[in-house]
Amino acid sequence: MEGTTCHYLWPKWITRPADFAFMMEDGRFVRYDVGTDKETAPGGGKVGMSVEELQKLYGGALKGAPDKYTQGGQYLSMDAGDVAPTRLVFEVDAADNVTSWRVGLSPQVEYVEGCS
């Protein structure tokens, strides 16, 4: 990310940017992040679902990786489209529940700290 300009935008009606925000990098929309159960991910996943529910919903296509900061947590991800290198990523806590999700272009969707 060195040498790039990255920031988040969110709609005026959002009171907590962590609930729904758009990542912009070098003037391009590259991903969106969701931290509320009010929004549904492509394919039907939501914040609050269990890993078991997600894997059933996505036919076992989600691949796991350890969470960088949450002991016992994980990232579950899969390719999200055929047109561009997009991915869908769910963040899961140690209790195996989805805490947030994001979808966007690679490699930006893989940035764990967002623009940081």
PDB file of N, CA and C in Angstrom:
ATOM      1  N   MET A   1       0.802  -1.198   0.000  1.00  0.00           N
ATOM      2  CA  MET A   1       0.000   0.000   0.000  1.00  0.00           C
ATOM      3  C   MET A   1       0.848   1.267   0.000  1.00  0.00           C
ATOM      4  N   GLU A   2       2.123   1.135   0.177  1.00  0.00           N
ATOM      5  CA  GLU A   2       2.984   2.306   0.224  1.00  0.00           C
ATOM      6  C   GLU A   2       2.861   3.086  -1.079  1.00  0.00           C
ATOM      7  N   GLY A   3       2.703   4.399  -0.965  1.00  0.00           N
ATOM      8  CA  GLY A   3       2.593   5.246  -2.140  1.00  0.00           C
ATOM      9  C   GLY A   3       1.169   5.389  -2.656  1.00  0.00           C
ATOM     10  N   THR A   4       0.213   4.762  -1.991  1.00  0.00           N
ATOM     11  CA  THR A   4      -1.178   4.878  -2.427  1.00  0.00           C
ATOM     12  C   THR A   4      -1.945   5.796  -1.498  1.00  0.00           C
ATOM     13  N   THR A   5      -3.052   6.308  -2.006  1.00  0.00           N
ATOM     14  CA  THR A   5      -3.958   7.120  -1.211  1.00  0.00           C
ATOM     15  C   THR A   5      -5.195   6.289  -0.943  1.00  0.00           C
ATOM     16  N   CYS A   6      -5.493   6.056   0.322  1.00  0.00           N
ATOM     17  CA  CYS A   6      -6.619   5.210   0.697  1.00  0.00           C
ATOM     18  C   CYS A   6      -7.453   5.919   1.753  1.00  0.00           C
ATOM     19  N   HIS A   7      -8.776   5.827   1.615  1.00  0.00           N
ATOM     20  CA  HIS A   7      -9.678   6.374   2.624  1.00  0.00           C
ATOM     21  C   HIS A   7     -11.040   5.687   2.493  1.00  0.00           C
ATOM     22  N   TYR A   8     -11.876   5.898   3.499  1.00  0.00           N
ATOM     23  CA  TYR A   8     -13.227   5.335   3.507  1.00  0.00           C
ATOM     24  C   TYR A   8     -14.271   6.430   3.346  1.00  0.00           C
ATOM     25  N   LEU A   9     -15.357   6.074   2.687  1.00  0.00           N
ATOM     26  CA  LEU A   9     -16.541   6.920   2.567  1.00  0.00           C
ATOM     27  C   LEU A   9     -17.730   6.125   3.103  1.00  0.00           C
ATOM     28  N   TRP A  10     -18.737   6.823   3.636  1.00  0.00           N
ATOM     29  CA  TRP A  10     -19.939   6.140   4.091  1.00  0.00           C
ATOM     30  C   TRP A  10     -21.128   7.066   3.910  1.00  0.00           C
ATOM     31  N   PRO A  11     -22.325   6.487   3.747  1.00  0.00           N
ATOM     32  CA  PRO A  11     -23.530   7.301   3.557  1.00  0.00           C
ATOM     33  C   PRO A  11     -23.814   8.157   4.789  1.00  0.00           C
ATOM     34  N   LYS A  12     -24.473   9.289   4.579  1.00  0.00           N
ATOM     35  CA  LYS A  12     -24.810  10.202   5.676  1.00  0.00           C
ATOM     36  C   LYS A  12     -25.673   9.540   6.742  1.00  0.00           C
ATOM     37  N   TRP A  13     -26.536   8.621   6.345  1.00  0.00           N
ATOM     38  CA  TRP A  13     -27.453   7.996   7.294  1.00  0.00           C
ATOM     39  C   TRP A  13     -26.764   6.988   8.209  1.00  0.00           C
ATOM     40  N   ILE A  14     -25.502   6.670   7.966  1.00  0.00           N
ATOM     41  CA  ILE A  14     -24.750   5.737   8.809  1.00  0.00           C
ATOM     42  C   ILE A  14     -24.200   6.501  10.006  1.00  0.00           C
ATOM     43  N   THR A  15     -24.529   6.046  11.215  1.00  0.00           N
ATOM     44  CA  THR A  15     -24.017   6.707  12.422  1.00  0.00           C
ATOM     45  C   THR A  15     -22.702   6.099  12.883  1.00  0.00           C
ATOM     46  N   ARG A  16     -22.445   4.853  12.511  1.00  0.00           N
ATOM     47  CA  ARG A  16     -21.183   4.182  12.850  1.00  0.00           C
ATOM     48  C   ARG A  16     -20.536   3.726  11.554  1.00  0.00           C
ATOM     49  N   PRO A  17     -19.466   4.381  11.102  1.00  0.00           N
ATOM     50  CA  PRO A  17     -18.814   3.975   9.855  1.00  0.00           C
ATOM     51  C   PRO A  17     -18.407   2.500   9.831  1.00  0.00           C
ATOM     52  N   ALA A  18     -18.168   1.883  10.993  1.00  0.00           N
ATOM     53  CA  ALA A  18     -17.814   0.466  11.025  1.00  0.00           C
ATOM     54  C   ALA A  18     -18.971  -0.423  10.571  1.00  0.00           C
ATOM     55  N   ASP A  19     -20.196   0.114  10.550  1.00  0.00           N
ATOM     56  CA  ASP A  19     -21.353  -0.671  10.110  1.00  0.00           C
ATOM     57  C   ASP A  19     -21.413  -0.839   8.597  1.00  0.00           C
ATOM     58  N   PHE A  20     -20.969   0.176   7.864  1.00  0.00           N
ATOM     59  CA  PHE A  20     -21.047   0.113   6.399  1.00  0.00           C
ATOM     60  C   PHE A  20     -20.187   1.226   5.813  1.00  0.00           C
ATOM     61  N   ALA A  21     -19.150   0.849   5.078  1.00  0.00           N
ATOM     62  CA  ALA A  21     -18.261   1.864   4.510  1.00  0.00           C
ATOM     63  C   ALA A  21     -17.641   1.374   3.200  1.00  0.00           C
ATOM     64  N   PHE A  22     -17.313   2.322   2.342  1.00  0.00           N
ATOM     65  CA  PHE A  22     -16.703   2.047   1.042  1.00  0.00           C
ATOM     66  C   PHE A  22     -15.232   2.442   1.090  1.00  0.00           C
ATOM     67  N   MET A  23     -14.353   1.526   0.681  1.00  0.00           N
ATOM     68  CA  MET A  23     -12.924   1.832   0.627  1.00  0.00           C
ATOM     69  C   MET A  23     -12.584   2.366  -0.760  1.00  0.00           C
ATOM     70  N   MET A  24     -11.888   3.483  -0.762  1.00  0.00           N
ATOM     71  CA  MET A  24     -11.410   4.098  -1.996  1.00  0.00           C
ATOM     72  C   MET A  24      -9.884   4.075  -1.956  1.00  0.00           C
ATOM     73  N   GLU A  25      -9.269   3.694  -3.077  1.00  0.00           N
ATOM     74  CA  GLU A  25      -7.813   3.699  -3.155  1.00  0.00           C
ATOM     75  C   GLU A  25      -7.408   4.312  -4.482  1.00  0.00           C
ATOM     76  N   ASP A  26      -6.578   5.346  -4.400  1.00  0.00           N
ATOM     77  CA  ASP A  26      -6.134   6.079  -5.593  1.00  0.00           C
ATOM     78  C   ASP A  26      -7.310   6.504  -6.472  1.00  0.00           C
ATOM     79  N   GLY A  27      -8.387   6.957  -5.824  1.00  0.00           N
ATOM     80  CA  GLY A  27      -9.547   7.468  -6.544  1.00  0.00           C
ATOM     81  C   GLY A  27     -10.483   6.403  -7.095  1.00  0.00           C
ATOM     82  N   ARG A  28     -10.238   5.133  -6.771  1.00  0.00           N
ATOM     83  CA  ARG A  28     -11.092   4.038  -7.259  1.00  0.00           C
ATOM     84  C   ARG A  28     -11.791   3.354  -6.095  1.00  0.00           C
ATOM     85  N   PHE A  29     -13.042   2.955  -6.321  1.00  0.00           N
ATOM     86  CA  PHE A  29     -13.770   2.140  -5.351  1.00  0.00           C
ATOM     87  C   PHE A  29     -13.200   0.733  -5.416  1.00  0.00           C
ATOM     88  N   VAL A  30     -12.721   0.194  -4.267  1.00  0.00           N
ATOM     89  CA  VAL A  30     -12.064  -1.115  -4.293  1.00  0.00           C
ATOM     90  C   VAL A  30     -12.705  -2.173  -3.393  1.00  0.00           C
ATOM     91  N   ARG A  31     -13.478  -1.729  -2.377  1.00  0.00           N
ATOM     92  CA  ARG A  31     -14.147  -2.717  -1.522  1.00  0.00           C
ATOM     93  C   ARG A  31     -15.174  -2.030  -0.647  1.00  0.00           C
ATOM     94  N   TYR A  32     -16.072  -2.830  -0.068  1.00  0.00           N
ATOM     95  CA  TYR A  32     -16.930  -2.298   0.977  1.00  0.00           C
ATOM     96  C   TYR A  32     -16.916  -3.230   2.166  1.00  0.00           C
ATOM     97  N   ASP A  33     -17.068  -2.636   3.354  1.00  0.00           N
ATOM     98  CA  ASP A  33     -16.986  -3.340   4.623  1.00  0.00           C
ATOM     99  C   ASP A  33     -18.322  -3.225   5.347  1.00  0.00           C
ATOM    100  N   VAL A  34     -18.759  -4.311   5.968  1.00  0.00           N
ATOM    101  CA  VAL A  34     -20.035  -4.333   6.676  1.00  0.00           C
ATOM    102  C   VAL A  34     -19.826  -4.942   8.057  1.00  0.00           C
ATOM    103  N   GLY A  35     -20.331  -4.263   9.080  1.00  0.00           N
ATOM    104  CA  GLY A  35     -20.207  -4.748  10.452  1.00  0.00           C
ATOM    105  C   GLY A  35     -21.531  -4.798  11.175  1.00  0.00           C
ATOM    106  N   THR A  36     -22.618  -4.967  10.435  1.00  0.00           N
ATOM    107  CA  THR A  36     -23.951  -5.010  11.014  1.00  0.00           C
ATOM    108  C   THR A  36     -24.746  -6.149  10.390  1.00  0.00           C
ATOM    109  N   ASP A  37     -25.726  -6.646  11.127  1.00  0.00           N
ATOM    110  CA  ASP A  37     -26.579  -7.713  10.592  1.00  0.00           C
ATOM    111  C   ASP A  37     -27.710  -7.171   9.724  1.00  0.00           C
ATOM    112  N   LYS A  38     -27.730  -5.873   9.510  1.00  0.00           N
ATOM    113  CA  LYS A  38     -28.777  -5.254   8.673  1.00  0.00           C
ATOM    114  C   LYS A  38     -28.511  -5.444   7.186  1.00  0.00           C
ATOM    115  N   GLU A  39     -27.284  -5.794   6.829  1.00  0.00           N
ATOM    116  CA  GLU A  39     -26.912  -5.983   5.426  1.00  0.00           C
ATOM    117  C   GLU A  39     -26.555  -7.448   5.181  1.00  0.00           C
ATOM    118  N   THR A  40     -26.850  -7.917   3.977  1.00  0.00           N
ATOM    119  CA  THR A  40     -26.586  -9.303   3.604  1.00  0.00           C
ATOM    120  C   THR A  40     -25.480  -9.357   2.558  1.00  0.00           C
ATOM    121  N   ALA A  41     -24.537 -10.253   2.766  1.00  0.00           N
ATOM    122  CA  ALA A  41     -23.429 -10.434   1.825  1.00  0.00           C
ATOM    123  C   ALA A  41     -23.922 -11.126   0.558  1.00  0.00           C
ATOM    124  N   PRO A  42     -23.202 -10.978  -0.548  1.00  0.00           N
ATOM    125  CA  PRO A  42     -23.537 -11.750  -1.746  1.00  0.00           C
ATOM    126  C   PRO A  42     -23.595 -13.241  -1.374  1.00  0.00           C
ATOM    127  N   GLY A  43     -24.654 -13.897  -1.736  1.00  0.00           N
ATOM    128  CA  GLY A  43     -24.819 -15.304  -1.403  1.00  0.00           C
ATOM    129  C   GLY A  43     -25.588 -15.558  -0.129  1.00  0.00           C
ATOM    130  N   GLY A  44     -25.853 -14.504   0.678  1.00  0.00           N
ATOM    131  CA  GLY A  44     -26.725 -14.644   1.835  1.00  0.00           C
ATOM    132  C   GLY A  44     -26.103 -14.597   3.213  1.00  0.00           C
ATOM    133  N   GLY A  45     -24.782 -14.535   3.350  1.00  0.00           N
ATOM    134  CA  GLY A  45     -24.151 -14.478   4.665  1.00  0.00           C
ATOM    135  C   GLY A  45     -24.448 -13.181   5.394  1.00  0.00           C
ATOM    136  N   LYS A  46     -24.440 -13.248   6.734  1.00  0.00           N
ATOM    137  CA  LYS A  46     -24.720 -12.070   7.552  1.00  0.00           C
ATOM    138  C   LYS A  46     -23.890 -12.100   8.830  1.00  0.00           C
ATOM    139  N   VAL A  47     -23.691 -10.925   9.403  1.00  0.00           N
ATOM    140  CA  VAL A  47     -23.096 -10.807  10.728  1.00  0.00           C
ATOM    141  C   VAL A  47     -24.001 -11.561  11.702  1.00  0.00           C
ATOM    142  N   GLY A  48     -23.390 -12.327  12.605  1.00  0.00           N
ATOM    143  CA  GLY A  48     -24.133 -13.094  13.596  1.00  0.00           C
ATOM    144  C   GLY A  48     -24.299 -14.563  13.234  1.00  0.00           C
ATOM    145  N   MET A  49     -24.115 -14.913  11.959  1.00  0.00           N
ATOM    146  CA  MET A  49     -24.219 -16.317  11.552  1.00  0.00           C
ATOM    147  C   MET A  49     -23.041 -17.110  12.110  1.00  0.00           C
ATOM    148  N   SER A  50     -23.256 -18.415  12.269  1.00  0.00           N
ATOM    149  CA  SER A  50     -22.181 -19.300  12.710  1.00  0.00           C
ATOM    150  C   SER A  50     -21.389 -19.790  11.497  1.00  0.00           C
ATOM    151  N   VAL A  51     -20.196 -20.302  11.761  1.00  0.00           N
ATOM    152  CA  VAL A  51     -19.377 -20.874  10.694  1.00  0.00           C
ATOM    153  C   VAL A  51     -20.125 -22.015  10.014  1.00  0.00           C
ATOM    154  N   GLU A  52     -20.802 -22.845  10.798  1.00  0.00           N
ATOM    155  CA  GLU A  52     -21.561 -23.961  10.238  1.00  0.00           C
ATOM    156  C   GLU A  52     -22.645 -23.465   9.270  1.00  0.00           C
ATOM    157  N   GLU A  53     -23.376 -22.416   9.670  1.00  0.00           N
ATOM    158  CA  GLU A  53     -24.405 -21.847   8.789  1.00  0.00           C
ATOM    159  C   GLU A  53     -23.793 -21.305   7.505  1.00  0.00           C
ATOM    160  N   LEU A  54     -22.649 -20.609   7.629  1.00  0.00           N
ATOM    161  CA  LEU A  54     -21.976 -20.052   6.450  1.00  0.00           C
ATOM    162  C   LEU A  54     -21.526 -21.154   5.498  1.00  0.00           C
ATOM    163  N   GLN A  55     -20.882 -22.177   6.036  1.00  0.00           N
ATOM    164  CA  GLN A  55     -20.379 -23.244   5.181  1.00  0.00           C
ATOM    165  C   GLN A  55     -21.523 -23.958   4.449  1.00  0.00           C
ATOM    166  N   LYS A  56     -22.665 -24.139   5.115  1.00  0.00           N
ATOM    167  CA  LYS A  56     -23.837 -24.728   4.447  1.00  0.00           C
ATOM    168  C   LYS A  56     -24.326 -23.811   3.336  1.00  0.00           C
ATOM    169  N   LEU A  57     -24.422 -22.525   3.657  1.00  0.00           N
ATOM    170  CA  LEU A  57     -24.921 -21.533   2.704  1.00  0.00           C
ATOM    171  C   LEU A  57     -24.043 -21.445   1.462  1.00  0.00           C
ATOM    172  N   TYR A  58     -22.731 -21.509   1.640  1.00  0.00           N
ATOM    173  CA  TYR A  58     -21.785 -21.364   0.532  1.00  0.00           C
ATOM    174  C   TYR A  58     -21.243 -22.704   0.033  1.00  0.00           C
ATOM    175  N   GLY A  59     -21.892 -23.786   0.411  1.00  0.00           N
ATOM    176  CA  GLY A  59     -21.525 -25.104  -0.100  1.00  0.00           C
ATOM    177  C   GLY A  59     -20.099 -25.527   0.214  1.00  0.00           C
ATOM    178  N   GLY A  60     -19.577 -25.080   1.361  1.00  0.00           N
ATOM    179  CA  GLY A  60     -18.221 -25.458   1.754  1.00  0.00           C
ATOM    180  C   GLY A  60     -17.122 -24.751   0.983  1.00  0.00           C
ATOM    181  N   ALA A  61     -17.465 -23.731   0.194  1.00  0.00           N
ATOM    182  CA  ALA A  61     -16.473 -23.035  -0.642  1.00  0.00           C
ATOM    183  C   ALA A  61     -15.581 -22.068   0.135  1.00  0.00           C
ATOM    184  N   LEU A  62     -15.963 -21.707   1.351  1.00  0.00           N
ATOM    185  CA  LEU A  62     -15.177 -20.763   2.142  1.00  0.00           C
ATOM    186  C   LEU A  62     -13.938 -21.441   2.712  1.00  0.00           C
ATOM    187  N   LYS A  63     -12.792 -20.816   2.500  1.00  0.00           N
ATOM    188  CA  LYS A  63     -11.521 -21.336   3.005  1.00  0.00           C
ATOM    189  C   LYS A  63     -11.092 -20.508   4.212  1.00  0.00           C
ATOM    190  N   GLY A  64     -10.605 -21.181   5.260  1.00  0.00           N
ATOM    191  CA  GLY A  64     -10.248 -20.516   6.498  1.00  0.00           C
ATOM    192  C   GLY A  64      -8.779 -20.159   6.613  1.00  0.00           C
ATOM    193  N   ALA A  65      -8.520 -19.086   7.355  1.00  0.00           N
ATOM    194  CA  ALA A  65      -7.166 -18.651   7.712  1.00  0.00           C
ATOM    195  C   ALA A  65      -7.266 -18.038   9.102  1.00  0.00           C
ATOM    196  N   PRO A  66      -6.223 -18.175   9.936  1.00  0.00           N
ATOM    197  CA  PRO A  66      -6.280 -17.624  11.295  1.00  0.00           C
ATOM    198  C   PRO A  66      -6.416 -16.100  11.291  1.00  0.00           C
ATOM    199  N   ASP A  67      -7.201 -15.588  12.234  1.00  0.00           N
ATOM    200  CA  ASP A  67      -7.354 -14.146  12.417  1.00  0.00           C
ATOM    201  C   ASP A  67      -6.043 -13.582  12.943  1.00  0.00           C
ATOM    202  N   LYS A  68      -5.634 -12.455  12.406  1.00  0.00           N
ATOM    203  CA  LYS A  68      -4.358 -11.840  12.770  1.00  0.00           C
ATOM    204  C   LYS A  68      -4.363 -11.312  14.210  1.00  0.00           C
ATOM    205  N   TYR A  69      -5.530 -10.905  14.725  1.00  0.00           N
ATOM    206  CA  TYR A  69      -5.606 -10.272  16.029  1.00  0.00           C
ATOM    207  C   TYR A  69      -6.439 -11.015  17.062  1.00  0.00           C
ATOM    208  N   THR A  70      -7.431 -11.789  16.644  1.00  0.00           N
ATOM    209  CA  THR A  70      -8.340 -12.450  17.570  1.00  0.00           C
ATOM    210  C   THR A  70      -7.939 -13.914  17.747  1.00  0.00           C
ATOM    211  N   GLN A  71      -7.472 -14.259  18.929  1.00  0.00           N
ATOM    212  CA  GLN A  71      -7.093 -15.639  19.192  1.00  0.00           C
ATOM    213  C   GLN A  71      -8.327 -16.525  19.049  1.00  0.00           C
ATOM    214  N   GLY A  72      -8.196 -17.567  18.241  1.00  0.00           N
ATOM    215  CA  GLY A  72      -9.308 -18.474  17.994  1.00  0.00           C
ATOM    216  C   GLY A  72     -10.230 -18.003  16.885  1.00  0.00           C
ATOM    217  N   GLY A  73     -10.052 -16.773  16.422  1.00  0.00           N
ATOM    218  CA  GLY A  73     -10.858 -16.246  15.324  1.00  0.00           C
ATOM    219  C   GLY A  73     -10.274 -16.657  13.982  1.00  0.00           C
ATOM    220  N   GLN A  74     -11.034 -16.390  12.935  1.00  0.00           N
ATOM    221  CA  GLN A  74     -10.543 -16.739  11.604  1.00  0.00           C
ATOM    222  C   GLN A  74     -11.181 -15.865  10.538  1.00  0.00           C
ATOM    223  N   TYR A  75     -10.563 -15.906   9.376  1.00  0.00           N
ATOM    224  CA  TYR A  75     -11.107 -15.281   8.184  1.00  0.00           C
ATOM    225  C   TYR A  75     -11.587 -16.417   7.288  1.00  0.00           C
ATOM    226  N   LEU A  76     -12.795 -16.322   6.791  1.00  0.00           N
ATOM    227  CA  LEU A  76     -13.319 -17.284   5.825  1.00  0.00           C
ATOM    228  C   LEU A  76     -13.522 -16.528   4.528  1.00  0.00           C
ATOM    229  N   SER A  77     -12.944 -17.017   3.428  1.00  0.00           N
ATOM    230  CA  SER A  77     -13.034 -16.268   2.181  1.00  0.00           C
ATOM    231  C   SER A  77     -13.206 -17.176   0.974  1.00  0.00           C
ATOM    232  N   MET A  78     -13.661 -16.556  -0.099  1.00  0.00           N
ATOM    233  CA  MET A  78     -13.843 -17.255  -1.368  1.00  0.00           C
ATOM    234  C   MET A  78     -13.827 -16.252  -2.502  1.00  0.00           C
ATOM    235  N   ASP A  79     -13.548 -16.725  -3.714  1.00  0.00           N
ATOM    236  CA  ASP A  79     -13.657 -15.865  -4.882  1.00  0.00           C
ATOM    237  C   ASP A  79     -15.114 -15.442  -5.026  1.00  0.00           C
ATOM    238  N   ALA A  80     -15.320 -14.183  -5.419  1.00  0.00           N
ATOM    239  CA  ALA A  80     -16.679 -13.651  -5.455  1.00  0.00           C
ATOM    240  C   ALA A  80     -17.178 -13.311  -6.850  1.00  0.00           C
ATOM    241  N   GLY A  81     -16.361 -13.436  -7.855  1.00  0.00           N
ATOM    242  CA  GLY A  81     -16.837 -13.068  -9.183  1.00  0.00           C
ATOM    243  C   GLY A  81     -15.925 -13.548 -10.284  1.00  0.00           C
ATOM    244  N   ASP A  82     -16.467 -13.578 -11.491  1.00  0.00           N
ATOM    245  CA  ASP A  82     -15.711 -14.024 -12.656  1.00  0.00           C
ATOM    246  C   ASP A  82     -15.123 -12.874 -13.460  1.00  0.00           C
ATOM    247  N   VAL A  83     -15.621 -11.660 -13.242  1.00  0.00           N
ATOM    248  CA  VAL A  83     -15.223 -10.524 -14.073  1.00  0.00           C
ATOM    249  C   VAL A  83     -13.901  -9.909 -13.613  1.00  0.00           C
ATOM    250  N   ALA A  84     -13.733  -9.759 -12.310  1.00  0.00           N
ATOM    251  CA  ALA A  84     -12.528  -9.138 -11.754  1.00  0.00           C
ATOM    252  C   ALA A  84     -12.038 -10.010 -10.606  1.00  0.00           C
ATOM    253  N   PRO A  85     -10.812  -9.798 -10.151  1.00  0.00           N
ATOM    254  CA  PRO A  85     -10.294 -10.597  -9.033  1.00  0.00           C
ATOM    255  C   PRO A  85     -10.920 -10.157  -7.708  1.00  0.00           C
ATOM    256  N   THR A  86     -12.183 -10.504  -7.497  1.00  0.00           N
ATOM    257  CA  THR A  86     -12.900 -10.100  -6.290  1.00  0.00           C
ATOM    258  C   THR A  86     -12.998 -11.253  -5.307  1.00  0.00           C
ATOM    259  N   ARG A  87     -13.069 -10.896  -4.022  1.00  0.00           N
ATOM    260  CA  ARG A  87     -13.200 -11.898  -2.966  1.00  0.00           C
ATOM    261  C   ARG A  87     -14.222 -11.437  -1.946  1.00  0.00           C
ATOM    262  N   LEU A  88     -14.822 -12.402  -1.298  1.00  0.00           N
ATOM    263  CA  LEU A  88     -15.733 -12.190  -0.184  1.00  0.00           C
ATOM    264  C   LEU A  88     -15.024 -12.728   1.046  1.00  0.00           C
ATOM    265  N   VAL A  89     -14.914 -11.907   2.099  1.00  0.00           N
ATOM    266  CA  VAL A  89     -14.196 -12.290   3.314  1.00  0.00           C
ATOM    267  C   VAL A  89     -15.097 -12.067   4.524  1.00  0.00           C
ATOM    268  N   PHE A  90     -15.259 -13.121   5.330  1.00  0.00           N
ATOM    269  CA  PHE A  90     -15.986 -13.027   6.595  1.00  0.00           C
ATOM    270  C   PHE A  90     -14.971 -13.079   7.725  1.00  0.00           C
ATOM    271  N   GLU A  91     -15.117 -12.184   8.713  1.00  0.00           N
ATOM    272  CA  GLU A  91     -14.307 -12.258   9.923  1.00  0.00           C
ATOM    273  C   GLU A  91     -15.145 -12.963  10.977  1.00  0.00           C
ATOM    274  N   VAL A  92     -14.540 -13.955  11.627  1.00  0.00           N
ATOM    275  CA  VAL A  92     -15.240 -14.802  12.579  1.00  0.00           C
ATOM    276  C   VAL A  92     -14.517 -14.757  13.924  1.00  0.00           C
ATOM    277  N   ASP A  93     -15.277 -14.636  15.012  1.00  0.00           N
ATOM    278  CA  ASP A  93     -14.661 -14.576  16.340  1.00  0.00           C
ATOM    279  C   ASP A  93     -14.369 -15.975  16.882  1.00  0.00           C
ATOM    280  N   ALA A  94     -13.821 -16.049  18.097  1.00  0.00           N
ATOM    281  CA  ALA A  94     -13.442 -17.328  18.704  1.00  0.00           C
ATOM    282  C   ALA A  94     -14.654 -18.212  18.996  1.00  0.00           C
ATOM    283  N   ALA A  95     -15.843 -17.633  19.060  1.00  0.00           N
ATOM    284  CA  ALA A  95     -17.077 -18.408  19.281  1.00  0.00           C
ATOM    285  C   ALA A  95     -17.677 -18.896  17.965  1.00  0.00           C
ATOM    286  N   ASP A  96     -16.952 -18.717  16.846  1.00  0.00           N
ATOM    287  CA  ASP A  96     -17.378 -19.149  15.506  1.00  0.00           C
ATOM    288  C   ASP A  96     -18.590 -18.389  14.971  1.00  0.00           C
ATOM    289  N   ASN A  97     -18.695 -17.098  15.307  1.00  0.00           N
ATOM    290  CA  ASN A  97     -19.764 -16.251  14.787  1.00  0.00           C
ATOM    291  C   ASN A  97     -19.176 -15.126  13.944  1.00  0.00           C
ATOM    292  N   VAL A  98     -19.846 -14.798  12.861  1.00  0.00           N
ATOM    293  CA  VAL A  98     -19.410 -13.722  11.971  1.00  0.00           C
ATOM    294  C   VAL A  98     -19.555 -12.385  12.684  1.00  0.00           C
ATOM    295  N   THR A  99     -18.471 -11.598  12.686  1.00  0.00           N
ATOM    296  CA  THR A  99     -18.498 -10.270  13.292  1.00  0.00           C
ATOM    297  C   THR A  99     -18.531  -9.162  12.247  1.00  0.00           C
ATOM    298  N   SER A 100     -18.042  -9.461  11.035  1.00  0.00           N
ATOM    299  CA  SER A 100     -18.078  -8.487   9.938  1.00  0.00           C
ATOM    300  C   SER A 100     -17.774  -9.235   8.645  1.00  0.00           C
ATOM    301  N   TRP A 101     -17.995  -8.550   7.533  1.00  0.00           N
ATOM    302  CA  TRP A 101     -17.634  -9.127   6.239  1.00  0.00           C
ATOM    303  C   TRP A 101     -17.300  -7.996   5.285  1.00  0.00           C
ATOM    304  N   ARG A 102     -16.598  -8.352   4.226  1.00  0.00           N
ATOM    305  CA  ARG A 102     -16.227  -7.364   3.213  1.00  0.00           C
ATOM    306  C   ARG A 102     -16.140  -8.061   1.861  1.00  0.00           C
ATOM    307  N   VAL A 103     -16.315  -7.285   0.831  1.00  0.00           N
ATOM    308  CA  VAL A 103     -16.180  -7.814  -0.525  1.00  0.00           C
ATOM    309  C   VAL A 103     -15.494  -6.748  -1.360  1.00  0.00           C
ATOM    310  N   GLY A 104     -14.623  -7.185  -2.257  1.00  0.00           N
ATOM    311  CA  GLY A 104     -13.929  -6.216  -3.081  1.00  0.00           C
ATOM    312  C   GLY A 104     -12.816  -6.836  -3.898  1.00  0.00           C
ATOM    313  N   LEU A 105     -12.036  -5.948  -4.467  1.00  0.00           N
ATOM    314  CA  LEU A 105     -10.932  -6.360  -5.333  1.00  0.00           C
ATOM    315  C   LEU A 105      -9.751  -6.871  -4.519  1.00  0.00           C
ATOM    316  N   SER A 106      -9.043  -7.816  -5.075  1.00  0.00           N
ATOM    317  CA  SER A 106      -7.768  -8.244  -4.497  1.00  0.00           C
ATOM    318  C   SER A 106      -6.691  -7.318  -5.053  1.00  0.00           C
ATOM    319  N   PRO A 107      -5.764  -6.889  -4.280  1.00  0.00           N
ATOM    320  CA  PRO A 107      -5.439  -7.328  -2.933  1.00  0.00           C
ATOM    321  C   PRO A 107      -6.117  -6.517  -1.835  1.00  0.00           C
ATOM    322  N   GLN A 108      -6.834  -5.453  -2.160  1.00  0.00           N
ATOM    323  CA  GLN A 108      -7.385  -4.559  -1.139  1.00  0.00           C
ATOM    324  C   GLN A 108      -8.335  -5.267  -0.164  1.00  0.00           C
ATOM    325  N   VAL A 109      -9.096  -6.227  -0.642  1.00  0.00           N
ATOM    326  CA  VAL A 109     -10.036  -6.923   0.236  1.00  0.00           C
ATOM    327  C   VAL A 109      -9.312  -7.727   1.308  1.00  0.00           C
ATOM    328  N   GLU A 110      -8.047  -8.032   1.076  1.00  0.00           N
ATOM    329  CA  GLU A 110      -7.260  -8.798   2.039  1.00  0.00           C
ATOM    330  C   GLU A 110      -6.614  -7.910   3.105  1.00  0.00           C
ATOM    331  N   TYR A 111      -6.640  -6.588   2.949  1.00  0.00           N
ATOM    332  CA  TYR A 111      -6.031  -5.692   3.926  1.00  0.00           C
ATOM    333  C   TYR A 111      -6.776  -5.843   5.256  1.00  0.00           C
ATOM    334  N   VAL A 112      -6.138  -6.386   6.264  1.00  0.00           N
ATOM    335  CA  VAL A 112      -6.771  -6.644   7.545  1.00  0.00           C
ATOM    336  C   VAL A 112      -7.097  -5.347   8.283  1.00  0.00           C
ATOM    337  N   GLU A 113      -6.218  -4.366   8.209  1.00  0.00           N
ATOM    338  CA  GLU A 113      -6.425  -3.107   8.933  1.00  0.00           C
ATOM    339  C   GLU A 113      -7.118  -2.036   8.097  1.00  0.00           C
ATOM    340  N   GLY A 114      -7.737  -2.405   7.016  1.00  0.00           N
ATOM    341  CA  GLY A 114      -8.353  -1.419   6.133  1.00  0.00           C
ATOM    342  C   GLY A 114      -7.285  -0.588   5.470  1.00  0.00           C
ATOM    343  N   CYS A 115      -7.372   0.724   5.588  1.00  0.00           N
ATOM    344  CA  CYS A 115      -6.406   1.620   4.958  1.00  0.00           C
ATOM    345  C   CYS A 115      -5.119   1.798   5.781  1.00  0.00           C
ATOM    346  N   SER A 116      -5.100   1.327   6.986  1.00  0.00           N
ATOM    347  CA  SER A 116      -3.925   1.535   7.862  1.00  0.00           C
ATOM    348  C   SER A 116      -2.715   0.796   7.349  1.00  0.00           C
TER     349      SER A 116
END
